Amino acid sequence: MVVVNTTDQGEPHTRLLDALAATDSSTRLRAALSAGTLCDPDLAQALLARCAVEPDFFVRDMLTWALCRLPSEITVPRLLEELSSATAQARSQALHTLSKIGDRTAWPAVSALLHDMHDEVALSAWRAAVVLVPSGAEGELAADLVKALGRGDHDMQLSASRALAALGSDAAPVLHAAGASRDPRVRAHAAATERLVNDPESSFTLSIEVAKRVAATGT
């Protein structure tokens, strides 16, 4: 077992920073854990930089945890800067971390990415938006989210439906309107979402398969 030594700070946390970029994912995971345990604001930029390139889901999740342990006045401005990154993963991870921190000052920047061209970024924006939406703006968010109906694969469509379902009654009018869309895929997705709202245990997979068949026939 490799132990990350963080006691020698001739150059701040040099060994920890090296471990964050190690080939072995277990080493990177332990390094992210150590960073979160230290709660040193000087590590914020290194953690953000690693989020943008880290391939392992569990390590990314630990990096988010480590960032959430730091003061929000340090992390939130940096995370907002990441939302304009040219790297899709940087934007997606920043959105995910902002949703975990829960600072609603991030709302304008988060809502601007609801229709990002990269599916993972848009999906992260939907999840963050339902957490950070200001009180009274739920209906506006629902009207924006409903524009995503029919986008992407099964998992993405389910995520869109869950985001709309989380808005409860505020989503009802826009889902009803989407049910009359000229696009058969949008109509079917709206119907699937309404079923999910009314019965969270309903089979969303079946609904999406119906949507595909409807789109294929054009009726």
C-alpha atoms as a PDB file:
ATOM      1  CA  MET A   1       0.000   0.000   0.000  1.00  0.00           C
ATOM      2  CA  VAL A   2       1.288   3.448  -0.949  1.00  0.00           C
ATOM      3  CA  VAL A   3       0.891   6.053   1.778  1.00  0.00           C
ATOM      4  CA  VAL A   4       0.700   9.683   0.747  1.00  0.00           C
ATOM      5  CA  ASN A   5       3.046  11.687   2.969  1.00  0.00           C
ATOM      6  CA  THR A   6       1.880  15.268   3.403  1.00  0.00           C
ATOM      7  CA  THR A   7       4.180  16.307   6.252  1.00  0.00           C
ATOM      8  CA  ASP A   8       7.119  17.496   4.155  1.00  0.00           C
ATOM      9  CA  GLN A   9       6.109  20.879   2.779  1.00  0.00           C
ATOM     10  CA  GLY A  10       9.442  22.238   1.512  1.00  0.00           C
ATOM     11  CA  GLU A  11       7.411  22.801  -1.629  1.00  0.00           C
ATOM     12  CA  PRO A  12       3.766  22.803  -0.487  1.00  0.00           C
ATOM     13  CA  HIS A  13       2.431  19.271  -0.528  1.00  0.00           C
ATOM     14  CA  THR A  14       4.729  18.213  -3.362  1.00  0.00           C
ATOM     15  CA  ARG A  15       4.278  14.490  -2.775  1.00  0.00           C
ATOM     16  CA  LEU A  16       0.519  14.830  -2.533  1.00  0.00           C
ATOM     17  CA  LEU A  17       0.360  16.755  -5.795  1.00  0.00           C
ATOM     18  CA  ASP A  18       2.504  14.114  -7.472  1.00  0.00           C
ATOM     19  CA  ALA A  19       0.189  11.414  -6.119  1.00  0.00           C
ATOM     20  CA  LEU A  20      -2.855  13.184  -7.604  1.00  0.00           C
ATOM     21  CA  ALA A  21      -1.342  12.597 -11.023  1.00  0.00           C
ATOM     22  CA  ALA A  22      -0.117   9.037 -10.369  1.00  0.00           C
ATOM     23  CA  THR A  23      -0.822   6.270 -12.873  1.00  0.00           C
ATOM     24  CA  ASP A  24      -2.545   4.119 -10.253  1.00  0.00           C
ATOM     25  CA  SER A  25      -6.126   5.229  -9.533  1.00  0.00           C
ATOM     26  CA  SER A  26      -5.937   3.968  -5.929  1.00  0.00           C
ATOM     27  CA  THR A  27      -3.007   6.285  -5.285  1.00  0.00           C
ATOM     28  CA  ARG A  28      -4.914   9.205  -6.783  1.00  0.00           C
ATOM     29  CA  LEU A  29      -7.951   8.338  -4.651  1.00  0.00           C
ATOM     30  CA  ARG A  30      -5.870   8.355  -1.463  1.00  0.00           C
ATOM     31  CA  ALA A  31      -4.280  11.639  -2.502  1.00  0.00           C
ATOM     32  CA  ALA A  32      -7.693  13.247  -2.974  1.00  0.00           C
ATOM     33  CA  LEU A  33      -8.746  11.896   0.438  1.00  0.00           C
ATOM     34  CA  SER A  34      -5.604  13.334   2.007  1.00  0.00           C
ATOM     35  CA  ALA A  35      -6.283  16.702   0.353  1.00  0.00           C
ATOM     36  CA  GLY A  36      -9.800  16.764   1.776  1.00  0.00           C
ATOM     37  CA  THR A  37      -8.511  15.830   5.214  1.00  0.00           C
ATOM     38  CA  LEU A  38      -5.930  18.619   5.139  1.00  0.00           C
ATOM     39  CA  CYS A  39      -8.470  21.290   4.118  1.00  0.00           C
ATOM     40  CA  ASP A  40      -5.672  23.506   2.857  1.00  0.00           C
ATOM     41  CA  PRO A  41      -6.933  26.314   0.572  1.00  0.00           C
ATOM     42  CA  ASP A  42      -3.573  26.281  -1.195  1.00  0.00           C
ATOM     43  CA  LEU A  43      -4.629  22.963  -2.760  1.00  0.00           C
ATOM     44  CA  ALA A  44      -7.792  24.357  -4.370  1.00  0.00           C
ATOM     45  CA  GLN A  45      -6.317  25.099  -7.776  1.00  0.00           C
ATOM     46  CA  ALA A  46      -4.557  21.734  -7.991  1.00  0.00           C
ATOM     47  CA  LEU A  47      -7.777  19.911  -7.117  1.00  0.00           C
ATOM     48  CA  LEU A  48      -9.706  21.847  -9.760  1.00  0.00           C
ATOM     49  CA  ALA A  49      -7.060  21.146 -12.364  1.00  0.00           C
ATOM     50  CA  ARG A  50      -7.240  17.433 -11.587  1.00  0.00           C
ATOM     51  CA  CYS A  51     -11.040  17.448 -11.848  1.00  0.00           C
ATOM     52  CA  ALA A  52     -10.736  18.541 -15.463  1.00  0.00           C
ATOM     53  CA  VAL A  53      -8.685  15.498 -16.502  1.00  0.00           C
ATOM     54  CA  GLU A  54      -9.361  12.746 -13.940  1.00  0.00           C
ATOM     55  CA  PRO A  55     -10.730   9.655 -15.761  1.00  0.00           C
ATOM     56  CA  ASP A  56     -11.901   7.666 -12.718  1.00  0.00           C
ATOM     57  CA  PHE A  57     -15.404   8.374 -11.387  1.00  0.00           C
ATOM     58  CA  PHE A  58     -14.550   7.539  -7.773  1.00  0.00           C
ATOM     59  CA  VAL A  59     -11.483   9.758  -7.777  1.00  0.00           C
ATOM     60  CA  ARG A  60     -13.515  12.614  -9.259  1.00  0.00           C
ATOM     61  CA  ASP A  61     -16.079  12.152  -6.516  1.00  0.00           C
ATOM     62  CA  MET A  62     -13.348  12.323  -3.881  1.00  0.00           C
ATOM     63  CA  LEU A  63     -11.930  15.453  -5.521  1.00  0.00           C
ATOM     64  CA  THR A  64     -15.370  17.045  -5.259  1.00  0.00           C
ATOM     65  CA  TRP A  65     -15.532  16.068  -1.583  1.00  0.00           C
ATOM     66  CA  ALA A  66     -12.111  17.628  -1.010  1.00  0.00           C
ATOM     67  CA  LEU A  67     -13.186  20.863  -2.690  1.00  0.00           C
ATOM     68  CA  CYS A  68     -16.392  20.964  -0.655  1.00  0.00           C
ATOM     69  CA  ARG A  69     -14.289  20.835   2.512  1.00  0.00           C
ATOM     70  CA  LEU A  70     -12.609  24.125   1.605  1.00  0.00           C
ATOM     71  CA  PRO A  71     -14.140  27.556   2.353  1.00  0.00           C
ATOM     72  CA  SER A  72     -16.748  28.411  -0.277  1.00  0.00           C
ATOM     73  CA  GLU A  73     -15.358  31.921  -0.676  1.00  0.00           C
ATOM     74  CA  ILE A  74     -12.236  30.270  -2.092  1.00  0.00           C
ATOM     75  CA  THR A  75     -13.781  27.485  -4.143  1.00  0.00           C
ATOM     76  CA  VAL A  76     -16.911  29.073  -5.614  1.00  0.00           C
ATOM     77  CA  PRO A  77     -15.153  31.859  -7.588  1.00  0.00           C
ATOM     78  CA  ARG A  78     -12.710  29.323  -9.009  1.00  0.00           C
ATOM     79  CA  LEU A  79     -15.515  26.905  -9.878  1.00  0.00           C
ATOM     80  CA  LEU A  80     -17.364  29.680 -11.669  1.00  0.00           C
ATOM     81  CA  GLU A  81     -14.259  30.332 -13.727  1.00  0.00           C
ATOM     82  CA  GLU A  82     -14.166  26.635 -14.640  1.00  0.00           C
ATOM     83  CA  LEU A  83     -17.657  26.938 -16.158  1.00  0.00           C
ATOM     84  CA  SER A  84     -16.121  28.854 -19.065  1.00  0.00           C
ATOM     85  CA  SER A  85     -13.399  26.248 -19.644  1.00  0.00           C
ATOM     86  CA  ALA A  86     -12.981  24.830 -23.134  1.00  0.00           C
ATOM     87  CA  THR A  87     -12.769  21.377 -21.529  1.00  0.00           C
ATOM     88  CA  ALA A  88     -16.185  19.752 -21.177  1.00  0.00           C
ATOM     89  CA  GLN A  89     -15.173  17.668 -18.152  1.00  0.00           C
ATOM     90  CA  ALA A  90     -13.950  20.780 -16.349  1.00  0.00           C
ATOM     91  CA  ARG A  91     -17.346  22.402 -16.827  1.00  0.00           C
ATOM     92  CA  SER A  92     -19.245  19.258 -15.865  1.00  0.00           C
ATOM     93  CA  GLN A  93     -17.246  18.669 -12.687  1.00  0.00           C
ATOM     94  CA  ALA A  94     -17.478  22.311 -11.682  1.00  0.00           C
ATOM     95  CA  LEU A  95     -21.261  22.131 -12.022  1.00  0.00           C
ATOM     96  CA  HIS A  96     -21.365  18.950  -9.964  1.00  0.00           C
ATOM     97  CA  THR A  97     -19.226  20.487  -7.225  1.00  0.00           C
ATOM     98  CA  LEU A  98     -21.264  23.698  -7.166  1.00  0.00           C
ATOM     99  CA  SER A  99     -24.415  21.633  -6.656  1.00  0.00           C
ATOM    100  CA  LYS A 100     -22.783  19.934  -3.669  1.00  0.00           C
ATOM    101  CA  ILE A 101     -21.657  23.237  -2.145  1.00  0.00           C
ATOM    102  CA  GLY A 102     -25.145  24.674  -2.621  1.00  0.00           C
ATOM    103  CA  ASP A 103     -24.161  28.341  -2.987  1.00  0.00           C
ATOM    104  CA  ARG A 104     -27.040  29.927  -4.905  1.00  0.00           C
ATOM    105  CA  THR A 105     -24.916  32.836  -6.085  1.00  0.00           C
ATOM    106  CA  ALA A 106     -23.787  30.367  -8.756  1.00  0.00           C
ATOM    107  CA  TRP A 107     -27.299  30.171 -10.219  1.00  0.00           C
ATOM    108  CA  PRO A 108     -26.885  32.612 -13.173  1.00  0.00           C
ATOM    109  CA  ALA A 109     -23.748  30.860 -14.399  1.00  0.00           C
ATOM    110  CA  VAL A 110     -25.268  27.396 -13.906  1.00  0.00           C
ATOM    111  CA  SER A 111     -28.495  28.247 -15.729  1.00  0.00           C
ATOM    112  CA  ALA A 112     -26.487  29.506 -18.694  1.00  0.00           C
ATOM    113  CA  LEU A 113     -25.226  25.963 -19.325  1.00  0.00           C
ATOM    114  CA  LEU A 114     -28.578  24.141 -19.404  1.00  0.00           C
ATOM    115  CA  HIS A 115     -28.252  23.669 -23.167  1.00  0.00           C
ATOM    116  CA  ASP A 116     -24.505  23.133 -23.439  1.00  0.00           C
ATOM    117  CA  MET A 117     -23.573  21.312 -26.628  1.00  0.00           C
ATOM    118  CA  HIS A 118     -21.860  18.543 -24.634  1.00  0.00           C
ATOM    119  CA  ASP A 119     -24.371  16.126 -23.147  1.00  0.00           C
ATOM    120  CA  GLU A 120     -22.472  15.528 -19.907  1.00  0.00           C
ATOM    121  CA  VAL A 121     -22.210  19.244 -19.239  1.00  0.00           C
ATOM    122  CA  ALA A 122     -25.899  19.831 -19.927  1.00  0.00           C
ATOM    123  CA  LEU A 123     -26.820  16.872 -17.724  1.00  0.00           C
ATOM    124  CA  SER A 124     -24.696  18.214 -14.857  1.00  0.00           C
ATOM    125  CA  ALA A 125     -26.272  21.635 -15.340  1.00  0.00           C
ATOM    126  CA  TRP A 126     -29.784  20.150 -15.022  1.00  0.00           C
ATOM    127  CA  ARG A 127     -28.880  18.428 -11.784  1.00  0.00           C
ATOM    128  CA  ALA A 128     -27.210  21.525 -10.378  1.00  0.00           C
ATOM    129  CA  ALA A 129     -30.046  23.798 -11.490  1.00  0.00           C
ATOM    130  CA  VAL A 130     -32.750  22.016  -9.508  1.00  0.00           C
ATOM    131  CA  VAL A 131     -30.569  22.343  -6.398  1.00  0.00           C
ATOM    132  CA  LEU A 132     -29.579  25.971  -6.875  1.00  0.00           C
ATOM    133  CA  VAL A 133     -32.710  27.508  -8.425  1.00  0.00           C
ATOM    134  CA  PRO A 134     -33.822  30.537  -6.391  1.00  0.00           C
ATOM    135  CA  SER A 135     -37.185  30.407  -4.686  1.00  0.00           C
ATOM    136  CA  GLY A 136     -39.840  31.633  -7.097  1.00  0.00           C
ATOM    137  CA  ALA A 137     -37.840  30.818 -10.231  1.00  0.00           C
ATOM    138  CA  GLU A 138     -38.874  27.148 -10.444  1.00  0.00           C
ATOM    139  CA  GLY A 139     -41.436  27.778 -13.166  1.00  0.00           C
ATOM    140  CA  GLU A 140     -38.887  29.641 -15.266  1.00  0.00           C
ATOM    141  CA  LEU A 141     -36.443  26.775 -14.849  1.00  0.00           C
ATOM    142  CA  ALA A 142     -39.100  24.235 -15.841  1.00  0.00           C
ATOM    143  CA  ALA A 143     -39.859  26.220 -19.005  1.00  0.00           C
ATOM    144  CA  ASP A 144     -36.157  26.142 -19.872  1.00  0.00           C
ATOM    145  CA  LEU A 145     -35.646  22.475 -19.009  1.00  0.00           C
ATOM    146  CA  VAL A 146     -38.614  21.346 -21.097  1.00  0.00           C
ATOM    147  CA  LYS A 147     -36.692  22.495 -24.180  1.00  0.00           C
ATOM    148  CA  ALA A 148     -34.389  19.520 -23.584  1.00  0.00           C
ATOM    149  CA  LEU A 149     -37.155  16.939 -24.035  1.00  0.00           C
ATOM    150  CA  GLY A 150     -36.183  14.393 -26.646  1.00  0.00           C
ATOM    151  CA  ARG A 151     -32.460  15.101 -26.369  1.00  0.00           C
ATOM    152  CA  GLY A 152     -29.893  12.342 -25.999  1.00  0.00           C
ATOM    153  CA  ASP A 153     -29.981   8.678 -25.074  1.00  0.00           C
ATOM    154  CA  HIS A 154     -32.048   6.850 -22.464  1.00  0.00           C
ATOM    155  CA  ASP A 155     -29.937   7.928 -19.483  1.00  0.00           C
ATOM    156  CA  MET A 156     -29.941  11.555 -20.527  1.00  0.00           C
ATOM    157  CA  GLN A 157     -33.674  11.598 -21.127  1.00  0.00           C
ATOM    158  CA  LEU A 158     -34.269  10.005 -17.745  1.00  0.00           C
ATOM    159  CA  SER A 159     -32.104  12.689 -16.144  1.00  0.00           C
ATOM    160  CA  ALA A 160     -34.113  15.421 -17.856  1.00  0.00           C
ATOM    161  CA  SER A 161     -37.322  13.836 -16.617  1.00  0.00           C
ATOM    162  CA  ARG A 162     -35.996  13.561 -13.078  1.00  0.00           C
ATOM    163  CA  ALA A 163     -34.946  17.202 -13.106  1.00  0.00           C
ATOM    164  CA  LEU A 164     -38.408  18.262 -14.234  1.00  0.00           C
ATOM    165  CA  ALA A 165     -40.047  15.915 -11.734  1.00  0.00           C
ATOM    166  CA  ALA A 166     -38.008  17.508  -8.944  1.00  0.00           C
ATOM    167  CA  LEU A 167     -39.730  20.813  -9.731  1.00  0.00           C
ATOM    168  CA  GLY A 168     -43.099  19.249  -8.946  1.00  0.00           C
ATOM    169  CA  SER A 169     -46.175  21.287  -9.782  1.00  0.00           C
ATOM    170  CA  ASP A 170     -44.069  24.023 -11.378  1.00  0.00           C
ATOM    171  CA  ALA A 171     -43.293  21.627 -14.226  1.00  0.00           C
ATOM    172  CA  ALA A 172     -46.900  20.575 -14.854  1.00  0.00           C
ATOM    173  CA  PRO A 173     -47.946  23.410 -17.224  1.00  0.00           C
ATOM    174  CA  VAL A 174     -44.893  23.144 -19.457  1.00  0.00           C
ATOM    175  CA  LEU A 175     -45.117  19.346 -19.619  1.00  0.00           C
ATOM    176  CA  HIS A 176     -48.761  19.624 -20.592  1.00  0.00           C
ATOM    177  CA  ALA A 177     -47.839  22.067 -23.366  1.00  0.00           C
ATOM    178  CA  ALA A 178     -44.991  19.830 -24.539  1.00  0.00           C
ATOM    179  CA  GLY A 179     -47.526  17.027 -24.902  1.00  0.00           C
ATOM    180  CA  ALA A 180     -48.932  18.923 -27.887  1.00  0.00           C
ATOM    181  CA  SER A 181     -45.551  19.395 -29.603  1.00  0.00           C
ATOM    182  CA  ARG A 182     -45.259  18.700 -33.322  1.00  0.00           C
ATOM    183  CA  ASP A 183     -42.185  16.597 -32.539  1.00  0.00           C
ATOM    184  CA  PRO A 184     -43.330  13.044 -31.713  1.00  0.00           C
ATOM    185  CA  ARG A 185     -40.208  12.373 -29.658  1.00  0.00           C
ATOM    186  CA  VAL A 186     -40.881  15.436 -27.515  1.00  0.00           C
ATOM    187  CA  ARG A 187     -44.510  14.419 -27.056  1.00  0.00           C
ATOM    188  CA  ALA A 188     -43.538  10.922 -25.952  1.00  0.00           C
ATOM    189  CA  HIS A 189     -40.827  12.200 -23.629  1.00  0.00           C
ATOM    190  CA  ALA A 190     -43.260  14.665 -22.064  1.00  0.00           C
ATOM    191  CA  ALA A 191     -45.749  11.845 -21.487  1.00  0.00           C
ATOM    192  CA  ALA A 192     -43.015   9.670 -19.971  1.00  0.00           C
ATOM    193  CA  THR A 193     -42.034  12.511 -17.659  1.00  0.00           C
ATOM    194  CA  GLU A 194     -45.614  13.073 -16.538  1.00  0.00           C
ATOM    195  CA  ARG A 195     -45.882   9.371 -15.727  1.00  0.00           C
ATOM    196  CA  LEU A 196     -42.670   9.593 -13.740  1.00  0.00           C
ATOM    197  CA  VAL A 197     -44.023  12.571 -11.795  1.00  0.00           C
ATOM    198  CA  ASN A 198     -47.254  10.753 -11.000  1.00  0.00           C
ATOM    199  CA  ASP A 199     -45.646   7.378 -10.326  1.00  0.00           C
ATOM    200  CA  PRO A 200     -41.894   7.377  -9.564  1.00  0.00           C
ATOM    201  CA  GLU A 201     -41.907   3.565  -9.814  1.00  0.00           C
ATOM    202  CA  SER A 202     -43.244   3.526 -13.369  1.00  0.00           C
ATOM    203  CA  SER A 203     -41.159   2.062 -16.187  1.00  0.00           C
ATOM    204  CA  PHE A 204     -39.383   4.971 -17.841  1.00  0.00           C
ATOM    205  CA  THR A 205     -37.460   2.577 -20.095  1.00  0.00           C
ATOM    206  CA  LEU A 206     -40.671   1.393 -21.720  1.00  0.00           C
ATOM    207  CA  SER A 207     -41.769   4.973 -22.261  1.00  0.00           C
ATOM    208  CA  ILE A 208     -38.564   5.844 -24.080  1.00  0.00           C
ATOM    209  CA  GLU A 209     -38.852   2.770 -26.285  1.00  0.00           C
ATOM    210  CA  VAL A 210     -42.339   3.944 -27.189  1.00  0.00           C
ATOM    211  CA  ALA A 211     -40.875   7.351 -28.017  1.00  0.00           C
ATOM    212  CA  LYS A 212     -38.391   5.759 -30.394  1.00  0.00           C
ATOM    213  CA  ARG A 213     -41.121   3.847 -32.180  1.00  0.00           C
ATOM    214  CA  VAL A 214     -43.284   6.945 -32.415  1.00  0.00           C
ATOM    215  CA  ALA A 215     -40.382   8.959 -33.822  1.00  0.00           C
ATOM    216  CA  ALA A 216     -39.703   6.234 -36.381  1.00  0.00           C
ATOM    217  CA  THR A 217     -43.278   6.219 -37.635  1.00  0.00           C
ATOM    218  CA  GLY A 218     -43.726   9.969 -37.362  1.00  0.00           C
ATOM    219  CA  THR A 219     -47.112   9.611 -35.676  1.00  0.00           C
END
